[in-house]
């Protein structure tokens, strides 16, 4: 009999990292189990263009939708009687715990990093501690969980993954670049960063990148910052303050189908985040996608980002507190022979972040749960 998994998630439709991880995870679970997905937030005009199957979804994270999700969760638990209740975010752990107790199911929780060190409520922290099994997106997240004694057992680390067939080396295509106002890549060495340009995401360090790029002695380098959010005007003003002119391009929101082409156009991908209360990353997906497209990366050393880099094979790990090291890393990677750098980046992506490996790790994890409960 295939195991039945009730999967609770804040959302799988927005283009954030947790939703992307969730989509891959649900696809992996569906290889060996029956999965019913309940998503608090539904699709909107800024969602992934590709449809995704869920059993039920709300509209937005408001009280009415939260109550509706709780009702659906109880209804499905009592009628379908899942073997496991899987919470895709710590905020859903109290609900998952109550549901599991109704039917004697096991509970599984995903943790990603930032939410763990950003002031969990007592209720959520207690529910996390009582959860049966924890999946962490990286070792940095798992280590934080252990150091703060937030759970009695070590977390199982399953790195995020990437579709290696879709995100792969190849031609960028001038059509995609021109759609976002980017000169054809053959004319310049392109440095790319990508993410939410939001006031609550300043830890991603776009301002650091702008300042480092302005100090880079390279007349043919071009900085492209892709994404949108309420912090974009401040970042554009910062670029203007540093007299970057048309050497710094803000693309605005991207169509998901255009992502591989944009990555391929880059010589370097940079996302140097810092960690602190309300700040930081687990292991962000964008550097992994860049690696899969054959682009070396620069990441920070304060969170799980550093786990995307293997020594100096496929990029550089630097301190977000050291501006000089940022400038040096940009110059170093731009100076590398392009062919060798792209080959090494792709190799690390294949070794660490393929979907087949991601799926196999989930199968092994769930099989161990089944054995322990016999």
Protein backbone atom coordinates (compact mmCIF):
# COMPACT_ATOMS: atom_id res chain seq x y z
CA UNK A 1 0.00 0.00 0.00
CA UNK A 2 1.33 3.41 -0.96
CA UNK A 3 1.77 5.79 1.93
CA UNK A 4 -0.64 8.70 2.16
CA UNK A 5 0.96 12.09 2.85
CA UNK A 6 -1.01 15.21 3.69
CA UNK A 7 1.25 18.07 2.63
CA UNK A 8 0.59 21.49 4.18
CA UNK A 9 2.33 24.48 2.63
CA UNK A 10 2.08 28.27 2.75
CA UNK A 11 2.31 28.25 -1.05
CA UNK A 12 3.70 26.56 -4.16
CA UNK A 13 2.68 29.18 -6.70
CA UNK A 14 4.83 32.23 -5.93
CA UNK A 15 8.38 32.36 -7.29
CA UNK A 16 10.10 32.34 -3.91
CA UNK A 17 12.67 29.78 -2.83
CA UNK A 18 10.38 27.91 -0.42
CA UNK A 19 7.75 27.43 -3.12
CA UNK A 20 10.38 26.18 -5.57
CA UNK A 21 11.74 23.72 -2.98
CA UNK A 22 8.18 22.61 -2.26
CA UNK A 23 7.43 21.93 -5.92
CA UNK A 24 10.48 19.72 -6.27
CA UNK A 25 9.72 18.00 -2.97
CA UNK A 26 6.12 17.24 -3.86
CA UNK A 27 7.21 15.87 -7.24
CA UNK A 28 9.72 13.63 -5.44
CA UNK A 29 7.14 12.39 -2.93
CA UNK A 30 4.65 11.61 -5.70
CA UNK A 31 7.12 9.10 -7.11
CA UNK A 32 6.43 6.73 -4.23
CA UNK A 33 3.43 8.01 -2.27
CA UNK A 34 -0.05 9.48 -2.59
CA UNK A 35 0.18 13.18 -1.78
CA UNK A 36 -2.62 15.65 -1.15
CA UNK A 37 -1.38 19.23 -1.12
CA UNK A 38 -3.18 22.00 0.74
CA UNK A 39 -1.74 25.44 -0.06
CA UNK A 40 -2.66 28.53 1.95
CA UNK A 41 -1.91 30.90 -0.95
CA UNK A 42 -3.15 30.31 -4.47
CA UNK A 43 -1.93 31.48 -7.89
CA UNK A 44 -2.01 35.11 -8.96
CA UNK A 45 -0.63 37.30 -11.74
CA UNK A 46 2.94 36.97 -10.41
CA UNK A 47 2.91 33.18 -9.98
CA UNK A 48 4.81 30.52 -11.88
CA UNK A 49 3.47 30.30 -15.39
CA UNK A 50 3.43 26.49 -15.26
CA UNK A 51 0.38 24.99 -13.50
CA UNK A 52 0.86 22.82 -10.44
CA UNK A 53 -1.59 20.28 -9.05
CA UNK A 54 -2.86 20.80 -5.52
CA UNK A 55 -5.88 19.35 -3.73
CA UNK A 56 -7.00 22.73 -2.33
CA UNK A 57 -5.69 26.27 -2.17
CA UNK A 58 -6.73 29.56 -0.65
CA UNK A 59 -6.24 33.00 -2.17
CA UNK A 60 -4.00 34.99 0.15
CA UNK A 61 -2.65 34.64 3.73
CA UNK A 62 -5.59 36.30 5.44
CA UNK A 63 -7.68 35.09 8.37
CA UNK A 64 -10.50 33.69 6.25
CA UNK A 65 -8.12 31.61 4.15
CA UNK A 66 -6.28 30.37 7.23
CA UNK A 67 -9.56 29.22 8.75
CA UNK A 68 -10.57 27.58 5.47
CA UNK A 69 -7.24 25.76 5.29
CA UNK A 70 -7.61 24.53 8.87
CA UNK A 71 -11.11 23.24 8.03
CA UNK A 72 -9.87 21.49 4.89
CA UNK A 73 -6.96 20.00 6.83
CA UNK A 74 -9.22 18.52 9.51
CA UNK A 75 -11.70 17.24 6.91
CA UNK A 76 -9.03 15.53 4.82
CA UNK A 77 -7.29 14.10 7.86
CA UNK A 78 -10.44 12.47 9.21
CA UNK A 79 -11.72 11.26 5.83
CA UNK A 80 -8.45 10.24 4.15
CA UNK A 81 -6.47 9.26 7.28
CA UNK A 82 -2.92 10.03 6.10
CA UNK A 83 0.05 8.08 7.39
CA UNK A 84 2.14 11.27 7.57
CA UNK A 85 1.42 14.98 7.87
CA UNK A 86 4.16 17.01 6.22
CA UNK A 87 4.45 20.72 7.10
CA UNK A 88 6.44 22.72 4.54
CA UNK A 89 7.01 25.63 6.95
CA UNK A 90 7.42 25.94 10.71
CA UNK A 91 4.38 28.24 10.90
CA UNK A 92 2.21 25.23 10.00
CA UNK A 93 3.72 22.92 12.60
CA UNK A 94 1.08 23.48 15.34
CA UNK A 95 -1.67 22.58 12.88
CA UNK A 96 0.26 19.56 11.59
CA UNK A 97 0.77 18.28 15.14
CA UNK A 98 -2.94 18.47 15.99
CA UNK A 99 -3.92 16.72 12.75
CA UNK A 100 -1.40 13.92 13.26
CA UNK A 101 -2.67 13.21 16.77
CA UNK A 102 -6.22 12.75 15.45
CA UNK A 103 -5.21 9.70 13.39
CA UNK A 104 -1.91 8.55 14.89
CA UNK A 105 0.16 9.85 11.96
CA UNK A 106 3.80 10.87 12.01
CA UNK A 107 4.80 14.49 11.42
CA UNK A 108 7.54 15.85 9.16
CA UNK A 109 8.68 19.47 9.05
CA UNK A 110 10.82 21.39 6.54
CA UNK A 111 13.09 24.08 7.98
CA UNK A 112 14.97 26.54 5.78
CA UNK A 113 16.99 28.75 8.09
CA UNK A 114 15.82 32.30 8.43
CA UNK A 115 12.58 31.51 10.27
CA UNK A 116 14.51 29.58 12.96
CA UNK A 117 16.62 32.53 14.12
CA UNK A 118 14.01 35.24 13.59
CA UNK A 119 11.97 34.93 16.77
CA UNK A 120 9.66 31.91 16.71
CA UNK A 121 6.62 32.18 18.95
CA UNK A 122 6.57 29.89 21.98
CA UNK A 123 3.70 27.93 20.45
CA UNK A 124 5.58 27.28 17.20
CA UNK A 125 8.83 26.48 18.95
CA UNK A 126 7.05 23.91 21.16
CA UNK A 127 5.35 22.37 18.11
CA UNK A 128 8.69 22.20 16.31
CA UNK A 129 10.27 20.41 19.27
CA UNK A 130 7.45 17.82 19.33
CA UNK A 131 7.58 17.20 15.57
CA UNK A 132 8.66 13.63 14.79
CA UNK A 133 11.10 14.31 11.96
CA UNK A 134 12.89 17.36 10.54
CA UNK A 135 14.23 17.96 7.02
CA UNK A 136 16.70 20.87 6.78
CA UNK A 137 17.61 22.48 3.48
CA UNK A 138 21.31 22.70 4.41
CA UNK A 139 23.84 21.90 7.12
CA UNK A 140 23.88 25.50 8.34
CA UNK A 141 20.17 25.25 9.16
CA UNK A 142 20.60 21.82 10.77
CA UNK A 143 23.52 23.09 12.87
CA UNK A 144 21.50 26.05 14.12
CA UNK A 145 18.68 23.71 15.10
CA UNK A 146 21.13 21.55 17.05
CA UNK A 147 23.08 24.38 18.70
CA UNK A 148 19.90 26.01 19.97
CA UNK A 149 18.44 22.67 21.15
CA UNK A 150 15.30 23.27 19.11
CA UNK A 151 14.71 19.56 18.50
CA UNK A 152 15.84 16.43 20.38
CA UNK A 153 17.08 14.65 17.22
CA UNK A 154 19.43 15.74 14.43
CA UNK A 155 17.74 17.03 11.28
CA UNK A 156 18.08 15.17 7.99
CA UNK A 157 19.75 17.46 5.44
CA UNK A 158 18.37 17.35 1.90
CA UNK A 159 19.83 20.07 -0.27
CA UNK A 160 17.58 21.88 -2.71
CA UNK A 161 17.73 20.61 -6.27
CA UNK A 162 17.47 21.86 -9.82
CA UNK A 163 16.11 20.48 -13.06
CA UNK A 164 19.41 19.73 -14.79
CA UNK A 165 17.72 19.22 -18.17
CA UNK A 166 16.08 22.64 -18.14
CA UNK A 167 18.88 24.53 -16.41
CA UNK A 168 21.89 23.60 -18.50
CA UNK A 169 24.70 25.27 -20.43
CA UNK A 170 23.87 26.62 -23.86
CA UNK A 171 23.22 29.74 -25.87
CA UNK A 172 21.47 32.59 -24.09
CA UNK A 173 19.71 34.00 -27.14
CA UNK A 174 19.65 37.69 -27.89
CA UNK A 175 15.85 37.72 -28.01
CA UNK A 176 15.47 36.95 -24.31
CA UNK A 177 18.15 39.45 -23.33
CA UNK A 178 16.70 42.26 -25.42
CA UNK A 179 13.31 41.67 -23.83
CA UNK A 180 14.82 42.83 -20.55
CA UNK A 181 16.93 45.63 -21.97
CA UNK A 182 20.23 43.71 -21.77
CA UNK A 183 22.81 44.14 -24.54
CA UNK A 184 23.81 40.88 -26.21
CA UNK A 185 26.22 39.08 -23.89
CA UNK A 186 29.02 38.74 -26.45
CA UNK A 187 29.56 42.47 -26.14
CA UNK A 188 30.29 42.44 -22.40
CA UNK A 189 31.08 40.23 -19.43
CA UNK A 190 27.83 39.98 -17.51
CA UNK A 191 27.56 39.72 -13.73
CA UNK A 192 24.10 38.57 -12.65
CA UNK A 193 22.16 38.61 -9.40
CA UNK A 194 18.56 37.55 -8.93
CA UNK A 195 15.99 37.70 -6.14
CA UNK A 196 13.29 39.68 -4.41
CA UNK A 197 14.23 43.35 -4.28
CA UNK A 198 12.26 43.82 -1.07
CA UNK A 199 12.84 45.87 2.04
CA UNK A 200 12.50 42.73 4.16
CA UNK A 201 15.15 40.95 2.06
CA UNK A 202 18.07 43.37 2.31
CA UNK A 203 20.19 40.52 3.69
CA UNK A 204 20.52 39.34 0.07
CA UNK A 205 23.09 42.08 -0.36
CA UNK A 206 22.19 43.74 -3.64
CA UNK A 207 23.54 47.00 -2.24
CA UNK A 208 26.85 45.26 -1.43
CA UNK A 209 27.04 43.99 -4.99
CA UNK A 210 26.40 47.44 -6.47
CA UNK A 211 29.18 48.94 -4.36
CA UNK A 212 31.62 46.12 -5.19
CA UNK A 213 30.84 46.40 -8.90
CA UNK A 214 31.42 50.15 -8.82
CA UNK A 215 34.93 49.49 -7.46
CA UNK A 216 35.70 46.83 -10.07
CA UNK A 217 38.29 47.92 -12.62
CA UNK A 218 36.64 46.40 -15.68
CA UNK A 219 35.27 48.62 -18.41
CA UNK A 220 33.51 45.80 -20.29
CA UNK A 221 31.69 44.32 -17.26
CA UNK A 222 27.93 44.73 -16.98
CA UNK A 223 25.84 44.25 -13.83
CA UNK A 224 22.31 42.85 -14.19
CA UNK A 225 20.00 42.71 -11.17
CA UNK A 226 16.86 40.71 -11.92
CA UNK A 227 13.69 40.71 -9.87
CA UNK A 228 11.30 43.21 -8.40
CA UNK A 229 10.07 44.52 -5.07
CA UNK A 230 9.59 47.62 -2.96
CA UNK A 231 13.35 48.13 -2.43
CA UNK A 232 14.10 48.60 -6.12
CA UNK A 233 13.91 52.43 -6.08
CA UNK A 234 16.53 52.60 -3.31
CA UNK A 235 18.83 50.22 -5.18
CA UNK A 236 18.43 52.14 -8.43
CA UNK A 237 19.28 55.35 -6.57
CA UNK A 238 22.39 53.65 -5.14
CA UNK A 239 23.51 52.62 -8.63
CA UNK A 240 22.99 56.19 -9.81
CA UNK A 241 24.93 57.52 -6.82
CA UNK A 242 27.88 55.37 -7.90
CA UNK A 243 27.61 56.68 -11.47
CA UNK A 244 27.00 53.26 -13.00
CA UNK A 245 24.65 54.56 -15.68
CA UNK A 246 23.86 51.91 -18.30
CA UNK A 247 26.46 49.55 -16.80
CA UNK A 248 23.84 48.47 -14.21
CA UNK A 249 20.52 47.14 -15.51
CA UNK A 250 17.43 46.34 -13.44
CA UNK A 251 15.27 43.92 -15.42
CA UNK A 252 12.14 43.90 -13.29
CA UNK A 253 10.16 40.64 -12.92
CA UNK A 254 11.20 37.67 -15.05
CA UNK A 255 9.11 35.06 -16.81
CA UNK A 256 10.13 31.69 -15.41
CA UNK A 257 10.72 30.33 -18.91
CA UNK A 258 13.40 33.00 -19.48
CA UNK A 259 15.51 32.13 -16.43
CA UNK A 260 17.86 29.58 -18.08
CA UNK A 261 18.71 31.95 -20.92
CA UNK A 262 19.48 34.78 -18.52
CA UNK A 263 21.74 32.56 -16.39
CA UNK A 264 23.59 31.33 -19.49
CA UNK A 265 24.38 34.88 -20.52
CA UNK A 266 26.26 35.53 -17.28
CA UNK A 267 29.94 34.97 -16.58
CA UNK A 268 29.42 35.25 -12.81
CA UNK A 269 26.40 34.95 -10.51
CA UNK A 270 26.61 36.79 -7.17
CA UNK A 271 24.38 36.57 -4.09
CA UNK A 272 26.31 37.37 -0.91
CA UNK A 273 23.85 37.31 1.97
CA UNK A 274 24.39 38.09 5.63
CA UNK A 275 22.84 36.45 8.70
CA UNK A 276 21.14 37.98 11.72
CA UNK A 277 17.76 38.34 13.43
CA UNK A 278 15.22 38.48 10.61
CA UNK A 279 18.03 38.08 8.05
CA UNK A 280 19.80 35.30 6.21
CA UNK A 281 19.30 32.32 3.93
CA UNK A 282 19.32 28.60 4.20
CA UNK A 283 20.64 27.40 0.84
CA UNK A 284 19.14 29.70 -1.82
CA UNK A 285 18.13 28.11 -5.10
CA UNK A 286 19.39 30.81 -7.46
CA UNK A 287 23.12 30.01 -7.11
CA UNK A 288 22.31 26.34 -7.75
CA UNK A 289 20.38 27.20 -10.91
CA UNK A 290 23.28 29.35 -12.06
CA UNK A 291 25.75 26.52 -11.50
CA UNK A 292 23.55 24.14 -13.50
CA UNK A 293 23.71 26.61 -16.39
CA UNK A 294 27.52 26.62 -16.15
CA UNK A 295 28.00 29.88 -14.26
CA UNK A 296 30.45 30.15 -11.32
CA UNK A 297 29.04 31.84 -8.23
CA UNK A 298 30.02 34.16 -5.39
CA UNK A 299 28.19 33.55 -2.11
CA UNK A 300 28.52 34.51 1.55
CA UNK A 301 30.01 32.51 4.42
CA UNK A 302 27.43 33.24 7.13
CA UNK A 303 24.61 30.88 6.13
CA UNK A 304 23.93 27.85 3.96
CA UNK A 305 24.88 29.65 0.76
CA UNK A 306 28.47 28.44 1.11
CA UNK A 307 27.31 24.84 0.61
CA UNK A 308 26.81 25.59 -3.09
CA UNK A 309 30.58 25.97 -3.55
CA UNK A 310 33.17 23.18 -3.56
CA UNK A 311 36.49 24.77 -2.58
CA UNK A 312 37.39 27.08 -5.44
CA UNK A 313 36.20 24.73 -8.21
CA UNK A 314 32.97 26.52 -9.01
CA UNK A 315 33.14 29.91 -7.31
CA UNK A 316 34.15 31.84 -4.22
CA UNK A 317 32.87 32.07 -0.65
CA UNK A 318 33.46 35.46 0.96
CA UNK A 319 32.47 37.40 4.04
CA UNK A 320 29.64 39.87 3.46
CA UNK A 321 31.48 42.15 5.89
CA UNK A 322 34.58 42.42 3.67
CA UNK A 323 33.98 44.71 0.66
CA UNK A 324 37.51 44.25 -0.67
CA UNK A 325 37.11 40.48 -0.90
CA UNK A 326 33.95 40.99 -2.93
CA UNK A 327 35.74 43.15 -5.49
CA UNK A 328 38.62 40.66 -5.65
CA UNK A 329 36.27 37.69 -6.13
CA UNK A 330 34.45 39.41 -8.99
CA UNK A 331 37.72 40.22 -10.71
CA UNK A 332 39.10 36.74 -10.12
CA UNK A 333 36.12 34.92 -11.61
CA UNK A 334 35.83 37.27 -14.58
CA UNK A 335 39.49 36.59 -15.36
CA UNK A 336 39.10 32.79 -15.41
CA UNK A 337 39.13 30.97 -18.75
CA UNK A 338 35.44 30.84 -19.57
CA UNK A 339 35.26 27.27 -20.87
CA UNK A 340 36.92 25.67 -17.84
CA UNK A 341 34.92 27.79 -15.40
CA UNK A 342 31.62 26.83 -17.00
CA UNK A 343 32.53 23.14 -17.06
CA UNK A 344 33.47 23.11 -13.37
CA UNK A 345 30.29 24.92 -12.36
CA UNK A 346 28.13 22.41 -14.19
CA UNK A 347 30.02 19.46 -12.71
CA UNK A 348 29.36 20.61 -9.14
CA UNK A 349 25.66 21.09 -9.93
CA UNK A 350 25.48 17.54 -11.30
CA UNK A 351 27.33 16.09 -8.30
CA UNK A 352 25.27 17.84 -5.62
CA UNK A 353 21.95 19.15 -6.85
CA UNK A 354 20.24 16.82 -9.35
CA UNK A 355 16.55 15.98 -8.95
CA UNK A 356 17.13 12.21 -9.10
CA UNK A 357 19.44 12.41 -6.07
CA UNK A 358 16.97 14.73 -4.31
CA UNK A 359 14.15 12.27 -4.96
CA UNK A 360 16.20 9.26 -3.80
CA UNK A 361 17.06 11.02 -0.53
CA UNK A 362 13.36 11.61 0.14
CA UNK A 363 12.54 7.99 -0.60
CA UNK A 364 15.26 6.82 1.80
CA UNK A 365 14.09 9.28 4.45
CA UNK A 366 10.48 8.12 4.29
CA UNK A 367 11.48 4.45 4.23
CA UNK A 368 13.45 4.98 7.45
CA UNK A 369 10.38 6.57 9.03
CA UNK A 370 8.27 3.55 8.03
CA UNK A 371 10.82 1.15 9.56
CA UNK A 372 11.00 3.05 12.83
CA UNK A 373 7.22 3.02 13.21
CA UNK A 374 6.87 -0.75 12.68
